Protein backbone atom coordinates (compact mmCIF):
# COMPACT_ATOMS: atom_id res chain seq x y z
CA UNK A 1 8.60 -18.80 -33.52
CA UNK A 2 7.10 -15.49 -34.59
CA UNK A 3 4.86 -15.13 -31.53
CA UNK A 4 7.41 -13.77 -29.00
CA UNK A 5 8.89 -11.37 -31.55
CA UNK A 6 5.43 -10.07 -32.50
CA UNK A 7 4.52 -9.57 -28.85
CA UNK A 8 7.74 -7.70 -28.11
CA UNK A 9 7.29 -5.52 -31.19
CA UNK A 10 3.68 -4.78 -30.22
CA UNK A 11 4.71 -3.84 -26.69
CA UNK A 12 7.50 -1.58 -27.93
CA UNK A 13 5.21 0.09 -30.47
CA UNK A 14 2.57 0.77 -27.81
CA UNK A 15 4.96 1.78 -25.03
CA UNK A 16 3.32 5.17 -24.40
CA UNK A 17 -0.16 3.66 -24.22
CA UNK A 18 0.98 0.90 -21.84
CA UNK A 19 2.80 3.36 -19.57
CA UNK A 20 -0.24 5.65 -19.61
CA UNK A 21 -2.35 2.93 -17.96
CA UNK A 22 0.33 1.29 -15.78
CA UNK A 23 -0.99 3.26 -12.81
CA UNK A 24 -3.99 0.90 -12.68
CA UNK A 25 -1.80 -2.15 -12.00
CA UNK A 26 0.23 -0.10 -9.51
CA UNK A 27 -2.96 0.97 -7.69
CA UNK A 28 -4.20 -2.62 -7.49
CA UNK A 29 -0.83 -3.81 -6.13
CA UNK A 30 -0.82 -0.87 -3.68
CA UNK A 31 -4.23 -1.86 -2.34
CA UNK A 32 -3.10 -5.46 -1.89
CA UNK A 33 0.09 -4.46 -0.03
CA UNK A 34 -1.72 -1.87 2.10
CA UNK A 35 -4.43 -4.36 3.07
CA UNK A 36 -1.89 -7.08 3.84
CA UNK A 37 0.25 -4.71 5.93
CA UNK A 38 -2.82 -3.49 7.82
CA UNK A 39 -4.09 -7.02 8.45
CA UNK A 40 -0.72 -8.25 9.73
CA UNK A 41 0.12 -5.19 11.80
CA UNK A 42 -3.07 -3.67 13.20
CA UNK A 43 -2.69 -5.30 16.65
CA UNK A 44 1.06 -4.70 16.83
CA UNK A 45 0.71 -1.05 15.82
CA UNK A 46 -2.00 -0.49 18.43
CA UNK A 47 0.26 -2.05 21.08
CA UNK A 48 3.21 0.11 19.98
CA UNK A 49 1.08 3.28 20.18
CA UNK A 50 -1.11 2.58 23.21
CA UNK A 51 0.44 -0.40 24.97
CA UNK A 52 1.91 -0.43 28.45
CA UNK A 53 5.40 -1.79 29.05
CA UNK A 54 6.14 -4.08 31.96
CA UNK A 55 8.57 -6.80 32.89
CA UNK A 56 7.68 -10.42 32.27
CA UNK A 57 9.50 -13.72 32.12
CA UNK A 58 9.66 -16.60 29.70
CA UNK A 59 8.11 -19.60 31.45
CA UNK A 60 8.20 -22.09 28.61
CA UNK A 61 8.19 -22.76 24.89
CA UNK A 62 5.48 -24.26 22.73
CA UNK A 63 6.65 -26.18 19.69
CA UNK A 64 4.82 -25.21 16.51
CA UNK A 65 5.15 -27.20 13.31
CA UNK A 66 4.51 -25.42 10.04
CA UNK A 67 3.23 -27.38 7.07
CA UNK A 68 3.45 -26.80 3.34
CA UNK A 69 0.39 -26.27 1.13
CA UNK A 70 -0.17 -30.02 0.81
CA UNK A 71 -0.15 -30.53 4.58
CA UNK A 72 3.25 -32.19 4.70
CA UNK A 73 5.73 -31.27 7.39
CA UNK A 74 9.15 -30.64 5.87
CA UNK A 75 12.60 -30.12 7.38
CA UNK A 76 13.18 -26.82 9.17
CA UNK A 77 9.52 -25.99 9.68
CA UNK A 78 9.53 -26.12 13.46
CA UNK A 79 9.56 -23.07 15.71
CA UNK A 80 9.53 -22.70 19.46
CA UNK A 81 7.09 -19.98 20.52
CA UNK A 82 7.87 -18.37 23.89
CA UNK A 83 5.25 -18.53 26.63
CA UNK A 84 5.47 -15.38 28.75
CA UNK A 85 3.97 -14.45 32.11
CA UNK A 86 3.61 -10.97 33.56
CA UNK A 87 1.60 -9.10 36.20
CA UNK A 88 -1.23 -6.77 35.10
CA UNK A 89 -3.81 -5.33 37.46
CA UNK A 90 -2.96 -7.76 40.23
CA UNK A 91 -3.42 -10.79 37.95
CA UNK A 92 -0.89 -13.10 36.34
CA UNK A 93 -1.30 -13.04 32.56
CA UNK A 94 0.20 -15.69 30.29
CA UNK A 95 0.46 -15.42 26.52
CA UNK A 96 2.24 -17.02 23.60
CA UNK A 97 4.40 -14.59 21.64
CA UNK A 98 4.07 -14.34 17.87
CA UNK A 99 7.78 -14.69 17.04
CA UNK A 100 9.40 -18.03 17.60
CA UNK A 101 12.93 -19.27 17.16
CA UNK A 102 14.52 -22.44 15.84
CA UNK A 103 15.57 -23.49 19.34
CA UNK A 104 14.42 -22.93 22.87
CA UNK A 105 15.96 -20.03 24.77
CA UNK A 106 16.48 -19.35 28.43
CA UNK A 107 13.65 -20.25 30.79
CA UNK A 108 12.72 -17.67 33.42
CA UNK A 109 14.60 -15.09 31.38
CA UNK A 110 13.33 -11.53 31.85
CA UNK A 111 11.65 -9.82 28.88
CA UNK A 112 9.94 -6.50 28.35
CA UNK A 113 6.27 -6.98 27.50
CA UNK A 114 3.94 -4.63 25.65
CA UNK A 115 0.28 -5.22 26.52
CA UNK A 116 -3.14 -3.64 26.14
CA UNK A 117 -4.30 -2.44 29.60
CA UNK A 118 -7.97 -2.99 28.67
CA UNK A 119 -7.25 -6.56 27.46
CA UNK A 120 -3.97 -7.76 29.02
CA UNK A 121 -4.02 -11.05 27.10
CA UNK A 122 -3.31 -9.00 23.94
CA UNK A 123 0.43 -8.74 24.41
CA UNK A 124 3.80 -9.29 22.79
CA UNK A 125 7.45 -9.25 23.75
CA UNK A 126 8.82 -5.76 23.11
CA UNK A 127 11.55 -6.05 20.48
CA UNK A 128 12.33 -2.55 19.20
CA UNK A 129 12.96 -3.44 15.53
CA UNK A 130 11.05 -6.72 15.31
CA UNK A 131 7.86 -5.00 16.53
CA UNK A 132 7.65 -3.53 13.02
CA UNK A 133 8.58 -6.64 11.00
CA UNK A 134 7.09 -7.91 8.60
CA UNK A 135 4.01 -5.70 8.45
CA UNK A 136 5.54 -2.20 8.33
CA UNK A 137 7.77 -2.81 5.26
CA UNK A 138 4.79 -4.41 3.53
CA UNK A 139 2.64 -1.38 4.34
CA UNK A 140 5.40 1.00 3.18
CA UNK A 141 5.70 -0.81 -0.18
CA UNK A 142 1.93 -0.37 -0.58
CA UNK A 143 2.17 3.31 0.33
CA UNK A 144 4.99 3.81 -2.18
CA UNK A 145 3.00 2.07 -4.92
CA UNK A 146 -0.05 4.18 -4.07
CA UNK A 147 1.96 7.40 -4.43
CA UNK A 148 3.49 6.20 -7.71
CA UNK A 149 0.07 5.24 -9.06
CA UNK A 150 -1.36 8.65 -8.11
CA UNK A 151 1.52 10.31 -9.95
CA UNK A 152 0.87 8.04 -12.93
CA UNK A 153 -2.81 8.90 -12.90
CA UNK A 154 -2.03 12.62 -12.99
CA UNK A 155 0.47 12.02 -15.77
CA UNK A 156 -2.18 10.10 -17.79
CA UNK A 157 -4.50 13.12 -17.65
CA UNK A 158 -2.10 15.25 -19.64
């Protein structure tokens, strides 16, 4: 099989040329990660920056079944999403949190809620670390790749 050996030899012989243009692939990957991180985290980040904290309580759980790409439900793909109520502007607001668990928790348990005062139905349970997961690491990987690709672009100019 001469094909793999020829490909490896060609890659090794053109190492400088390949590395010179690697910044293009890094920039494309950076844009994908940055866009994905922004899409997943734009509402959460706005709530973290501008949201108001208040006390709420878990009033129930909604079972959510996740399906694979073919539409089949497989083992372990069930989550229980907390339903939370809190007071905002003299009204009772109820929302379903974004992060579920594999089992139901304590009903009527107190939780800290972050909500948008101009649209109280935009809310989430305030979890100091989990507020940033998974969107912030995704965004940071994109930012890192963007910086590396910019460095690679400057290096390719010389």
